[in-house]
Amino acid sequence: MANTSIRRCAIYTRKSSEEGLEQDYNSLHGQREACEAFIRSQAGEGWRLIKTAYDDGGFSGGTIERPAIQQLMADIREGSIDVVVVYKVDRLTRSLADFARMVELFDAHGVSFVAVTQQFNTTTSMGRLTLNVLLSFAQFEREVIGERIRDKVAASKRRGMWMGGTLPIGYDLRERKLAINQSEAKTVRLIFGRYLELGSVRLLKKELDRRGMVSAAKASRKGNVRGGKPFSRGALYSLLSNPIYVGEVRHKTERYPGEHQGIIKRELWEQVQQRLRGRAVRGGEGRKTEASPSPLAGKLFDESGQPLYVQGAAKGQRRYRYYVSKSLVRGESDSPEKGWRVSAPEIEKTISAAAQAMLADRATIALALDRSAIADDQPILKSAQCWIERLRSSDAASALSELTERVKLSREGLHLSLRLPVPSEGAGDDPTSDHLSLVKFVPLVMKRRGVEMKMVLESDKTLSRVDLPLLRAVARARRWSDDLVSGRVESVDALAKREGLDKRSVRRLIRLGFLSPRVVEAIAEGRQPPDLTVIALARRLDLPLFWRSQEQALGIL
């Protein structure tokens, strides 16, 4: 009998929350025991458990920025692992895109992947398809949970409940409700009263600094202490405009009666709000344009999802605008380098250029169209060109504000989301009845100037080599295969009838749904060989199912 080669097995476990991790036996231990039992059952095949434990406790599966998964991937690259064993697929990741990258890494280093409660073979096309479907549902479940949490927060705030976060000065938390801290409440009343007397946040800050008054020190459940520092001007603006002090709870743009008692009388609150609005109006006098001075206000967010606030400064007759991280505005960051402070005109110019590039990118628009129910792309392409012209006109600020839905900044680049109006016939002067969502990651080169950040767009070399018919055919084939696996259609015959195509065409095209992620990425970026067309791919009856062989056969290196 031939000797069985040793297969080094690594177990990966994950738990999303930190709750229960302090217990002697928790979810991580249960996952590990099940995986160890499975490995023992395969001892005859040469499976051996390595000593290193890869455990991520308290980390979401929506990202791979986890210490244990990063260590696991590093050990795979070093060639010290042959098999990765998990309890369920979603313990590894809940993101389909992240899993595709992991599979590439596994394939490149000859590593097998096993989920002990979900049996499939990743070396076959059906096994990979099953795995992708499982990951799709895991990602869907994560997104549904997020929606439920957001809905619960909104419903709770409508009832006036405190939903957590940093405790505002003047309140303590008792039985999950806000209770007035009388000592801190005196400071709050002083701040409101002195602001009305002084009429300026700048003068108010000077007086508070002179008196040696600091923000309240609040300890989190983890023991981290925030506050205990001099009030910043941004923190004072936030305090003065916070409806929590008049007994209300704010959710986005709405305010609701709270369960807690207010510290400030309604009359004083209204006087302060009127004064704040009055100074904002006076600060805007003399502007000759009706366009919003800060078109990205409320739409810029940092890596942690915190908003960037608009702040201004003046030097002589010159005025400056900045978008500044919430942590820097409120003085919660120990180092300026941990937050964002970017020149408003510069980032607005950068995002405008990125938006114009997205609107001119036929591949981005094609993928968005395929996810929507819009069949005709010509009106969309025409609308995109009109918006490009608006972004280059004197109406650029207003156009950027209307078009931009959300921008998330990171050190590698920005995630830009646009809402492109969809033209509809017979709508008169307002020809928009719907929107097409365009989402793209735009790489940037970051250059720091003091506490400010300078952004430089990396040149986009993937312009109009994109084969639009091929890209749309691949997207359609992926949607068809998903419909078949999920049971939304019973057979290829039913699919052909639904699409109004003959069965032979559907059978040929549906194979494009099994292309590897690298091949699809090359097609989306226009890097595929010139002879790789829809017709050529549909006729390739000998196309390998194994991804690496497939990439070699198609010339995707």
Protein backbone atom coordinates (compact mmCIF):
# COMPACT_ATOMS: atom_id res chain seq x y z
CA MET A 1 0.00 0.00 0.00
CA ALA A 2 1.45 3.38 -1.03
CA ASN A 3 2.27 5.90 1.66
CA THR A 4 -0.33 8.68 2.01
CA SER A 5 1.18 12.17 1.80
CA ILE A 6 0.69 14.47 4.77
CA ARG A 7 -1.87 17.28 4.29
CA ARG A 8 -1.31 20.15 6.75
CA CYS A 9 -4.70 21.47 7.90
CA ALA A 10 -5.45 24.91 9.38
CA ILE A 11 -8.72 25.68 11.20
CA TYR A 12 -10.20 29.17 10.92
CA THR A 13 -12.95 30.34 13.29
CA ARG A 14 -14.80 33.66 13.56
CA LYS A 15 -17.45 35.27 15.76
CA SER A 16 -19.01 38.61 14.74
CA SER A 17 -19.56 40.06 18.23
CA GLU A 18 -17.43 40.15 21.37
CA GLU A 19 -20.36 39.01 23.50
CA GLY A 20 -19.55 35.76 25.30
CA LEU A 21 -15.87 35.66 24.32
CA GLU A 22 -14.90 35.86 27.99
CA GLN A 23 -16.68 32.57 28.72
CA ASP A 24 -14.76 29.32 29.20
CA TYR A 25 -16.63 27.78 26.25
CA ASN A 26 -17.93 29.98 23.45
CA SER A 27 -18.81 29.80 19.75
CA LEU A 28 -15.16 29.75 18.67
CA HIS A 29 -14.53 26.63 20.75
CA GLY A 30 -17.60 24.93 19.26
CA GLN A 31 -16.47 25.68 15.71
CA ARG A 32 -12.97 24.41 16.44
CA GLU A 33 -14.19 21.14 17.97
CA ALA A 34 -16.35 20.38 14.91
CA CYS A 35 -13.44 21.12 12.56
CA GLU A 36 -11.01 19.01 14.62
CA ALA A 37 -13.44 16.07 14.53
CA PHE A 38 -13.69 16.37 10.74
CA ILE A 39 -9.91 16.43 10.36
CA ARG A 40 -9.61 13.31 12.55
CA SER A 41 -12.12 11.58 10.27
CA GLN A 42 -9.77 12.25 7.36
CA ALA A 43 -6.64 10.97 9.11
CA GLY A 44 -6.49 8.06 6.69
CA GLU A 45 -6.05 10.57 3.87
CA GLY A 46 -3.02 12.08 5.59
CA TRP A 47 -4.79 15.09 7.13
CA ARG A 48 -2.92 16.55 10.13
CA LEU A 49 -3.89 19.62 12.20
CA ILE A 50 -1.20 22.26 12.59
CA LYS A 51 -0.70 23.92 15.99
CA THR A 52 -1.39 27.52 14.93
CA ALA A 53 -4.91 28.70 15.87
CA TYR A 54 -6.57 31.22 13.56
CA ASP A 55 -9.37 32.74 15.66
CA ASP A 56 -11.08 36.10 15.01
CA GLY A 57 -13.36 37.02 17.89
CA GLY A 58 -15.47 40.15 17.50
CA PHE A 59 -14.84 40.76 13.77
CA SER A 60 -17.41 41.15 10.99
CA GLY A 61 -17.31 38.90 7.95
CA GLY A 62 -17.96 41.85 5.65
CA THR A 63 -14.24 42.66 5.38
CA ILE A 64 -10.97 40.72 5.45
CA GLU A 65 -9.30 43.32 7.67
CA ARG A 66 -9.06 40.76 10.48
CA PRO A 67 -5.80 39.75 12.22
CA ALA A 68 -6.28 35.98 12.09
CA ILE A 69 -7.44 35.86 8.44
CA GLN A 70 -4.48 38.05 7.45
CA GLN A 71 -2.10 35.68 9.28
CA LEU A 72 -3.77 32.70 7.59
CA MET A 73 -3.31 34.24 4.14
CA ALA A 74 0.33 35.08 4.94
CA ASP A 75 1.01 31.46 6.00
CA ILE A 76 -0.64 30.21 2.78
CA ARG A 77 1.70 32.41 0.75
CA GLU A 78 4.65 30.93 2.65
CA GLY A 79 3.49 27.42 1.66
CA SER A 80 2.90 26.11 5.21
CA ILE A 81 -0.77 25.12 4.74
CA ASP A 82 -2.42 22.54 2.43
CA VAL A 83 -6.06 22.58 3.59
CA VAL A 84 -8.20 25.36 5.15
CA VAL A 85 -11.06 24.02 7.28
CA VAL A 86 -14.00 26.13 8.52
CA TYR A 87 -17.30 25.30 10.21
CA LYS A 88 -19.40 27.15 7.57
CA VAL A 89 -18.46 29.15 4.48
CA ASP A 90 -19.67 32.44 5.98
CA ARG A 91 -17.16 32.07 8.84
CA LEU A 92 -14.41 32.74 6.29
CA THR A 93 -16.13 35.76 4.71
CA ARG A 94 -19.57 37.11 3.89
CA SER A 95 -18.33 39.06 0.87
CA LEU A 96 -18.46 37.41 -2.56
CA ALA A 97 -15.71 39.71 -3.89
CA ASP A 98 -13.38 38.89 -0.96
CA PHE A 99 -14.03 35.17 -1.38
CA ALA A 100 -13.17 35.32 -5.09
CA ARG A 101 -9.78 36.82 -4.16
CA MET A 102 -9.24 34.13 -1.51
CA VAL A 103 -10.02 31.36 -4.01
CA GLU A 104 -7.40 32.86 -6.33
CA LEU A 105 -4.89 32.70 -3.48
CA PHE A 106 -5.89 29.11 -2.65
CA ASP A 107 -5.57 28.05 -6.31
CA ALA A 108 -2.20 29.77 -6.74
CA HIS A 109 -0.72 27.84 -3.79
CA GLY A 110 -2.55 24.53 -4.27
CA VAL A 111 -4.62 24.90 -1.09
CA SER A 112 -7.94 23.06 -0.68
CA PHE A 113 -10.91 24.59 1.13
CA VAL A 114 -13.44 22.64 3.23
CA ALA A 115 -16.56 23.70 5.16
CA VAL A 116 -17.48 20.81 7.45
CA THR A 117 -21.26 21.49 7.43
CA GLN A 118 -21.51 22.26 3.68
CA GLN A 119 -20.00 19.58 1.48
CA PHE A 120 -18.88 20.55 -2.03
CA ASN A 121 -15.85 20.16 -4.28
CA THR A 122 -14.20 23.42 -5.32
CA THR A 123 -12.29 21.73 -8.13
CA THR A 124 -15.47 21.42 -10.25
CA SER A 125 -17.50 24.17 -11.89
CA MET A 126 -20.68 23.06 -10.09
CA GLY A 127 -18.85 23.12 -6.77
CA ARG A 128 -17.64 26.65 -7.42
CA LEU A 129 -21.13 27.71 -8.50
CA THR A 130 -22.63 26.23 -5.33
CA LEU A 131 -20.01 28.05 -3.28
CA ASN A 132 -20.75 31.37 -5.01
CA VAL A 133 -24.46 30.93 -4.36
CA LEU A 134 -23.81 30.21 -0.67
CA LEU A 135 -21.63 33.33 -0.41
CA SER A 136 -24.26 35.39 -2.22
CA PHE A 137 -26.83 34.41 0.38
CA ALA A 138 -24.35 35.11 3.20
CA GLN A 139 -23.71 38.59 1.81
CA PHE A 140 -27.46 39.12 1.36
CA GLU A 141 -28.05 38.05 4.98
CA ARG A 142 -25.45 40.55 6.22
CA GLU A 143 -27.06 43.37 4.24
CA VAL A 144 -30.57 42.43 5.46
CA ILE A 145 -29.34 42.43 9.07
CA GLY A 146 -27.89 45.92 8.50
CA GLU A 147 -31.21 47.13 7.12
CA ARG A 148 -33.09 45.67 10.08
CA ILE A 149 -30.76 47.39 12.53
CA ARG A 150 -31.17 50.73 10.74
CA ASP A 151 -34.95 50.32 10.73
CA LYS A 152 -34.93 49.45 14.44
CA VAL A 153 -32.82 52.51 15.26
CA ALA A 154 -35.17 54.75 13.27
CA ALA A 155 -38.28 53.27 14.96
CA SER A 156 -36.71 53.57 18.41
CA LYS A 157 -35.75 57.19 17.85
CA ARG A 158 -39.29 57.99 16.72
CA ARG A 159 -40.31 56.79 20.17
CA GLY A 160 -37.74 59.13 21.71
CA MET A 161 -35.33 56.43 22.88
CA TRP A 162 -31.61 57.00 23.32
CA MET A 163 -29.84 54.59 20.93
CA GLY A 164 -26.30 54.83 22.19
CA GLY A 165 -23.16 56.59 21.07
CA THR A 166 -21.02 59.12 22.90
CA LEU A 167 -22.91 60.49 25.90
CA PRO A 168 -23.54 64.22 25.56
CA ILE A 169 -22.20 66.44 28.31
CA GLY A 170 -24.91 67.02 30.92
CA TYR A 171 -26.22 63.46 30.94
CA ASP A 172 -25.43 60.06 32.46
CA LEU A 173 -26.80 56.71 31.33
CA ARG A 174 -29.08 54.91 33.81
CA GLU A 175 -31.01 51.80 32.84
CA ARG A 176 -30.38 52.59 29.16
CA LYS A 177 -31.98 56.03 29.52
CA LEU A 178 -30.47 59.51 29.73
CA ALA A 179 -30.50 61.05 33.22
CA ILE A 180 -29.43 64.62 33.96
CA ASN A 181 -26.02 65.04 35.59
CA GLN A 182 -26.64 68.19 37.62
CA SER A 183 -22.97 69.20 37.80
CA GLU A 184 -22.45 68.96 34.04
CA ALA A 185 -25.89 70.49 33.39
CA LYS A 186 -24.67 73.72 35.00
CA THR A 187 -21.87 73.87 32.41
CA VAL A 188 -24.39 73.34 29.59
CA ARG A 189 -26.65 76.14 30.87
CA LEU A 190 -23.62 78.42 31.23
CA ILE A 191 -22.55 77.74 27.63
CA PHE A 192 -26.02 78.50 26.22
CA GLY A 193 -26.42 81.63 28.35
CA ARG A 194 -22.97 83.08 27.64
CA TYR A 195 -23.34 82.41 23.89
CA LEU A 196 -26.43 84.65 23.80
CA GLU A 197 -24.56 87.35 25.72
CA LEU A 198 -21.35 87.17 23.67
CA GLY A 199 -22.99 86.46 20.31
CA SER A 200 -20.00 84.51 18.96
CA VAL A 201 -18.68 80.98 19.33
CA ARG A 202 -15.14 82.30 18.94
CA LEU A 203 -15.56 84.63 21.95
CA LEU A 204 -17.35 81.88 23.87
CA LYS A 205 -14.42 79.50 23.37
CA LYS A 206 -11.98 82.15 24.57
CA GLU A 207 -13.97 82.65 27.77
CA LEU A 208 -14.28 78.93 28.45
CA ASP A 209 -10.53 78.51 27.92
CA ARG A 210 -9.87 81.42 30.28
CA ARG A 211 -12.01 79.78 32.94
CA GLY A 212 -10.25 76.45 32.41
CA MET A 213 -13.48 74.64 31.54
CA VAL A 214 -13.15 71.34 29.66
CA SER A 215 -15.51 68.81 28.14
CA ALA A 216 -16.82 66.00 30.33
CA ALA A 217 -14.69 62.87 30.51
CA LYS A 218 -16.82 59.86 29.50
CA ALA A 219 -15.68 56.23 29.77
CA SER A 220 -16.90 53.63 27.24
CA ARG A 221 -17.81 50.05 28.11
CA LYS A 222 -14.30 49.04 27.05
CA GLY A 223 -12.81 51.52 29.50
CA ASN A 224 -11.67 54.05 26.90
CA VAL A 225 -11.98 57.63 28.17
CA ARG A 226 -13.03 60.46 25.87
CA GLY A 227 -13.24 64.15 26.60
CA GLY A 228 -11.62 66.00 29.47
CA LYS A 229 -10.15 68.46 26.95
CA PRO A 230 -10.79 72.15 26.15
CA PHE A 231 -13.86 72.74 24.01
CA SER A 232 -13.15 73.16 20.29
CA ARG A 233 -15.24 75.55 18.23
CA GLY A 234 -16.71 72.62 16.32
CA ALA A 235 -17.72 70.91 19.57
CA LEU A 236 -19.40 74.11 20.76
CA TYR A 237 -21.36 74.47 17.53
CA SER A 238 -22.46 70.84 17.88
CA LEU A 239 -23.48 71.33 21.51
CA LEU A 240 -25.43 74.54 20.84
CA SER A 241 -27.40 72.95 17.97
CA ASN A 242 -28.04 69.58 19.67
CA PRO A 243 -31.81 69.16 20.33
CA ILE A 244 -31.02 66.60 23.05
CA TYR A 245 -30.76 69.57 25.46
CA VAL A 246 -34.36 70.58 24.87
CA GLY A 247 -35.66 67.05 25.45
CA GLU A 248 -35.71 65.85 21.84
CA VAL A 249 -34.00 63.07 19.86
CA ARG A 250 -32.72 63.70 16.35
CA HIS A 251 -32.69 61.13 13.55
CA LYS A 252 -31.18 62.43 10.32
CA THR A 253 -33.24 65.56 9.54
CA GLU A 254 -36.19 64.79 11.86
CA ARG A 255 -36.63 65.52 15.58
CA TYR A 256 -38.84 63.59 17.99
CA PRO A 257 -39.87 64.12 21.66
CA GLY A 258 -37.43 62.18 23.83
CA GLU A 259 -37.92 60.02 26.90
CA HIS A 260 -35.40 62.15 28.81
CA GLN A 261 -35.74 65.56 30.44
CA GLY A 262 -34.32 68.63 28.76
CA ILE A 263 -31.67 70.81 30.38
CA ILE A 264 -32.41 74.02 28.48
CA LYS A 265 -35.76 75.82 28.40
CA ARG A 266 -37.48 75.96 25.04
CA GLU A 267 -37.35 79.76 24.92
CA LEU A 268 -33.58 79.87 25.46
CA TRP A 269 -33.09 77.08 22.89
CA GLU A 270 -35.05 78.95 20.21
CA GLN A 271 -33.12 82.17 20.87
CA VAL A 272 -29.80 80.33 20.47
CA GLN A 273 -30.93 78.65 17.23
CA GLN A 274 -32.11 81.98 15.84
CA ARG A 275 -28.74 83.55 16.68
CA LEU A 276 -26.86 80.66 15.03
CA ARG A 277 -28.98 80.93 11.88
CA GLY A 278 -28.59 84.70 11.83
CA ARG A 279 -24.80 84.49 11.90
CA ALA A 280 -24.86 81.85 9.15
CA VAL A 281 -26.95 84.16 6.95
CA ARG A 282 -24.69 87.15 7.60
CA GLY A 283 -21.67 85.01 6.82
CA GLY A 284 -23.19 84.24 3.41
CA GLU A 285 -24.03 87.83 2.43
CA GLY A 286 -22.36 89.15 -0.67
CA ARG A 287 -22.21 85.86 -2.54
CA LYS A 288 -23.22 86.34 -6.15
CA THR A 289 -24.07 82.72 -6.91
CA GLU A 290 -27.03 80.68 -5.77
CA ALA A 291 -25.05 77.42 -5.99
CA SER A 292 -24.36 75.65 -2.73
CA PRO A 293 -20.97 76.82 -1.40
CA SER A 294 -20.21 73.27 -0.26
CA PRO A 295 -21.83 70.81 -2.71
CA LEU A 296 -20.43 67.76 -0.88
CA ALA A 297 -21.79 68.75 2.55
CA GLY A 298 -23.33 65.69 4.21
CA LYS A 299 -22.01 63.37 1.49
CA LEU A 300 -18.37 62.86 2.52
CA PHE A 301 -17.50 60.05 4.96
CA ASP A 302 -14.24 58.59 6.27
CA GLU A 303 -13.17 54.93 6.54
CA SER A 304 -15.19 54.38 9.73
CA GLY A 305 -18.37 55.86 8.25
CA GLN A 306 -18.12 59.12 10.21
CA PRO A 307 -19.08 62.30 8.32
CA LEU A 308 -16.73 65.12 7.34
CA TYR A 309 -18.00 68.55 8.38
CA VAL A 310 -17.60 71.79 6.44
CA GLN A 311 -15.45 74.34 8.25
CA GLY A 312 -14.28 77.79 7.24
CA ALA A 313 -11.36 80.05 8.05
CA ALA A 314 -10.39 83.60 7.12
CA LYS A 315 -7.09 85.34 6.65
CA GLY A 316 -7.49 89.02 5.84
CA GLN A 317 -9.93 89.24 2.96
CA ARG A 318 -9.39 85.65 1.89
CA ARG A 319 -11.74 82.87 3.02
CA TYR A 320 -10.93 79.17 3.06
CA ARG A 321 -13.19 76.11 3.20
CA TYR A 322 -12.31 72.64 4.44
CA TYR A 323 -13.96 69.26 4.92
CA VAL A 324 -12.85 68.02 8.36
CA SER A 325 -13.32 64.68 10.12
CA LYS A 326 -15.83 64.58 12.94
CA SER A 327 -13.12 63.33 15.34
CA LEU A 328 -10.94 66.38 14.60
CA VAL A 329 -13.86 68.82 14.85
CA ARG A 330 -14.86 67.48 18.24
CA GLY A 331 -11.30 67.09 19.48
CA GLU A 332 -11.68 63.31 19.92
CA SER A 333 -8.55 62.37 17.93
CA ASP A 334 -5.15 62.29 19.63
CA SER A 335 -3.31 62.99 16.37
CA PRO A 336 -4.30 65.15 13.37
CA GLU A 337 -2.91 62.41 11.09
CA LYS A 338 -5.68 60.05 12.24
CA GLY A 339 -8.38 62.23 10.69
CA TRP A 340 -9.12 64.06 7.47
CA ARG A 341 -8.74 67.76 6.77
CA VAL A 342 -8.93 68.46 3.04
CA SER A 343 -9.30 71.66 1.07
CA ALA A 344 -12.94 71.92 -0.05
CA PRO A 345 -12.21 73.35 -3.54
CA GLU A 346 -9.54 70.70 -4.11
CA ILE A 347 -11.63 67.65 -3.17
CA GLU A 348 -14.64 69.06 -5.03
CA LYS A 349 -12.46 69.42 -8.13
CA THR A 350 -11.11 65.87 -7.65
CA ILE A 351 -14.54 64.29 -7.25
CA SER A 352 -15.92 66.29 -10.18
CA ALA A 353 -13.12 64.89 -12.37
CA ALA A 354 -13.80 61.35 -11.08
CA ALA A 355 -17.53 61.77 -11.75
CA GLN A 356 -16.86 62.92 -15.31
CA ALA A 357 -14.62 59.88 -15.87
CA MET A 358 -17.34 57.56 -14.52
CA LEU A 359 -19.99 59.13 -16.76
CA ALA A 360 -17.71 58.69 -19.77
CA ASP A 361 -16.92 55.07 -18.84
CA ARG A 362 -19.25 52.86 -20.90
CA ALA A 363 -18.30 49.76 -18.89
CA THR A 364 -19.45 51.31 -15.60
CA ILE A 365 -22.74 52.39 -17.16
CA ALA A 366 -23.25 48.99 -18.83
CA LEU A 367 -22.83 47.10 -15.56
CA ALA A 368 -25.22 49.47 -13.79
CA LEU A 369 -27.78 49.08 -16.59
CA ASP A 370 -27.60 45.31 -16.36
CA ARG A 371 -28.39 45.44 -12.62
CA SER A 372 -31.40 47.65 -13.38
CA ALA A 373 -34.51 46.99 -15.42
CA ILE A 374 -33.55 49.55 -18.09
CA ALA A 375 -33.21 48.01 -21.56
CA ASP A 376 -32.28 50.96 -23.79
CA ASP A 377 -28.84 52.42 -23.05
CA GLN A 378 -28.83 55.26 -25.61
CA PRO A 379 -30.89 57.74 -23.49
CA ILE A 380 -28.66 56.97 -20.52
CA LEU A 381 -25.46 57.61 -22.47
CA LYS A 382 -26.94 60.86 -23.76
CA SER A 383 -27.92 61.90 -20.22
CA ALA A 384 -24.41 61.07 -18.97
CA GLN A 385 -22.91 63.36 -21.63
CA CYS A 386 -25.26 66.18 -20.61
CA TRP A 387 -24.15 65.87 -16.99
CA ILE A 388 -20.50 65.88 -18.03
CA GLU A 389 -21.14 69.22 -19.76
CA ARG A 390 -22.92 70.56 -16.65
CA LEU A 391 -19.94 69.58 -14.47
CA ARG A 392 -17.71 71.65 -16.78
CA SER A 393 -20.02 74.69 -16.81
CA SER A 394 -20.62 77.58 -14.40
CA ASP A 395 -23.35 75.42 -12.83
CA ALA A 396 -20.74 72.84 -11.76
CA ALA A 397 -21.29 73.14 -7.98
CA SER A 398 -25.04 72.61 -8.25
CA ALA A 399 -24.56 69.73 -10.69
CA LEU A 400 -22.03 68.02 -8.39
CA SER A 401 -24.42 68.33 -5.43
CA GLU A 402 -27.35 66.85 -7.40
CA LEU A 403 -25.32 64.04 -8.94
CA THR A 404 -23.26 62.87 -5.95
CA GLU A 405 -24.97 60.46 -3.57
CA ARG A 406 -22.09 59.43 -1.28
CA VAL A 407 -18.29 59.55 -1.15
CA LYS A 408 -16.29 57.32 1.19
CA LEU A 409 -12.63 58.30 1.60
CA SER A 410 -9.77 55.91 2.30
CA ARG A 411 -5.99 56.15 2.06
CA GLU A 412 -6.04 54.12 -1.18
CA GLY A 413 -8.77 56.11 -2.91
CA LEU A 414 -12.45 56.95 -2.76
CA HIS A 415 -15.66 54.99 -3.23
CA LEU A 416 -17.86 57.25 -5.34
CA SER A 417 -21.63 56.72 -5.68
CA LEU A 418 -23.57 58.76 -8.24
CA ARG A 419 -27.30 58.99 -8.97
CA LEU A 420 -27.67 59.55 -12.71
CA PRO A 421 -31.18 60.75 -13.62
CA VAL A 422 -32.94 58.46 -16.08
CA PRO A 423 -34.74 60.38 -18.86
CA SER A 424 -38.33 59.42 -19.60
CA GLU A 425 -40.42 60.58 -22.50
CA GLY A 426 -43.40 62.87 -22.04
CA ALA A 427 -42.19 64.38 -18.77
CA GLY A 428 -42.14 68.00 -19.90
CA ASP A 429 -39.48 70.23 -18.39
CA ASP A 430 -38.61 67.65 -15.73
CA PRO A 431 -37.62 64.58 -17.77
CA THR A 432 -36.48 62.46 -14.82
CA SER A 433 -38.60 59.88 -13.12
CA ASP A 434 -35.90 57.53 -11.80
CA HIS A 435 -32.18 57.25 -11.17
CA LEU A 436 -29.42 54.87 -12.20
CA SER A 437 -26.92 54.14 -9.43
CA LEU A 438 -23.27 54.24 -10.52
CA VAL A 439 -20.65 53.01 -8.04
CA LYS A 440 -16.91 52.85 -8.56
CA PHE A 441 -13.66 52.80 -6.58
CA VAL A 442 -11.34 55.56 -7.77
CA PRO A 443 -7.61 55.12 -6.87
CA LEU A 444 -5.91 58.22 -5.49
CA VAL A 445 -2.41 59.22 -4.52
CA MET A 446 -2.45 61.00 -1.14
CA LYS A 447 0.06 63.73 -0.37
CA ARG A 448 0.06 65.37 3.06
CA ARG A 449 0.73 69.09 3.43
CA GLY A 450 0.91 69.75 7.17
CA VAL A 451 -2.48 68.70 8.54
CA GLU A 452 -4.11 68.97 5.10
CA MET A 453 -4.37 66.19 2.52
CA LYS A 454 -3.73 66.72 -1.19
CA MET A 455 -5.39 64.26 -3.57
CA VAL A 456 -4.14 63.28 -7.02
CA LEU A 457 -6.25 61.05 -9.29
CA GLU A 458 -4.34 58.12 -10.77
CA SER A 459 -4.60 58.18 -14.54
CA ASP A 460 -7.28 55.90 -15.96
CA LYS A 461 -5.81 53.93 -18.86
CA THR A 462 -8.88 51.75 -19.44
CA LEU A 463 -10.92 54.07 -21.59
CA SER A 464 -12.79 52.93 -24.66
CA ARG A 465 -11.31 49.49 -25.31
CA VAL A 466 -14.23 47.99 -23.41
CA ASP A 467 -16.26 45.62 -25.60
CA LEU A 468 -19.75 46.65 -24.45
CA PRO A 469 -21.65 43.75 -26.10
CA LEU A 470 -19.24 41.23 -24.53
CA LEU A 471 -19.50 42.86 -21.10
CA ARG A 472 -23.29 42.85 -21.17
CA ALA A 473 -23.35 39.23 -22.40
CA VAL A 474 -21.19 38.15 -19.44
CA ALA A 475 -23.41 40.03 -16.98
CA ARG A 476 -26.53 38.50 -18.52
CA ALA A 477 -25.06 34.98 -18.39
CA ARG A 478 -24.17 35.38 -14.71
CA ARG A 479 -27.72 36.50 -13.98
CA TRP A 480 -29.12 33.52 -15.92
CA SER A 481 -27.00 31.00 -14.03
CA ASP A 482 -28.05 32.55 -10.74
CA ASP A 483 -31.73 32.29 -11.78
CA LEU A 484 -31.30 28.59 -12.59
CA VAL A 485 -29.47 27.71 -9.36
CA SER A 486 -31.89 29.67 -7.16
CA GLY A 487 -34.91 28.07 -8.86
CA ARG A 488 -36.36 31.30 -10.20
CA VAL A 489 -36.54 29.51 -13.56
CA GLU A 490 -36.98 25.74 -13.87
CA SER A 491 -34.88 24.98 -16.95
CA VAL A 492 -32.93 26.37 -19.88
CA ASP A 493 -36.07 25.97 -21.99
CA ALA A 494 -38.05 28.15 -19.58
CA LEU A 495 -35.20 30.66 -19.53
CA ALA A 496 -35.12 30.85 -23.35
CA LYS A 497 -38.88 31.37 -23.44
CA ARG A 498 -38.66 34.16 -20.85
CA GLU A 499 -35.86 35.94 -22.72
CA GLY A 500 -37.43 35.45 -26.17
CA LEU A 501 -34.35 33.60 -27.48
CA ASP A 502 -33.82 30.16 -28.99
CA LYS A 503 -32.55 27.41 -26.66
CA ARG A 504 -29.30 26.96 -28.58
CA SER A 505 -28.31 30.61 -28.08
CA VAL A 506 -29.09 30.46 -24.36
CA ARG A 507 -27.04 27.26 -23.92
CA ARG A 508 -24.08 28.86 -25.66
CA LEU A 509 -24.23 32.17 -23.82
CA ILE A 510 -24.90 30.80 -20.34
CA ARG A 511 -21.38 29.32 -20.29
CA LEU A 512 -20.09 32.89 -19.96
CA GLY A 513 -21.53 32.89 -16.45
CA PHE A 514 -18.77 30.49 -15.39
CA LEU A 515 -15.84 32.71 -16.39
CA SER A 516 -13.25 33.25 -13.67
CA PRO A 517 -13.20 36.57 -11.75
CA ARG A 518 -9.90 37.52 -13.44
CA VAL A 519 -11.37 37.01 -16.91
CA VAL A 520 -14.46 39.07 -16.02
CA GLU A 521 -12.27 41.82 -14.54
CA ALA A 522 -10.15 41.92 -17.72
CA ILE A 523 -13.30 42.22 -19.87
CA ALA A 524 -14.69 45.00 -17.66
CA GLU A 525 -11.41 46.92 -17.96
CA GLY A 526 -10.94 46.29 -21.68
CA ARG A 527 -7.75 44.20 -21.20
CA GLN A 528 -8.96 41.05 -22.97
CA PRO A 529 -7.29 39.95 -26.26
CA PRO A 530 -8.79 41.71 -29.33
CA ASP A 531 -10.13 38.42 -30.74
CA LEU A 532 -12.03 37.60 -27.53
CA THR A 533 -15.55 38.60 -28.63
CA VAL A 534 -19.06 37.41 -27.74
CA ILE A 535 -19.20 35.19 -30.83
CA ALA A 536 -15.73 33.75 -30.24
CA LEU A 537 -16.49 32.93 -26.60
CA ALA A 538 -19.90 31.43 -27.37
CA ARG A 539 -18.27 29.08 -29.90
CA ARG A 540 -15.58 27.90 -27.46
CA LEU A 541 -17.08 24.51 -26.61
CA ASP A 542 -13.70 23.40 -25.20
CA LEU A 543 -13.48 26.20 -22.61
CA PRO A 544 -11.93 24.73 -19.41
CA LEU A 545 -14.00 24.89 -16.23
CA PHE A 546 -10.97 25.18 -13.94
CA TRP A 547 -10.29 28.90 -13.58
CA ARG A 548 -6.49 28.92 -13.98
CA SER A 549 -6.64 26.72 -17.08
CA GLN A 550 -9.44 28.92 -18.39
CA GLU A 551 -7.34 32.09 -17.96
CA GLN A 552 -4.39 30.49 -19.77
CA ALA A 553 -6.60 29.30 -22.64
CA LEU A 554 -8.09 32.79 -23.10
CA GLY A 555 -4.77 34.60 -22.82
CA ILE A 556 -5.60 36.46 -19.58
CA LEU A 557 -2.27 36.72 -17.75
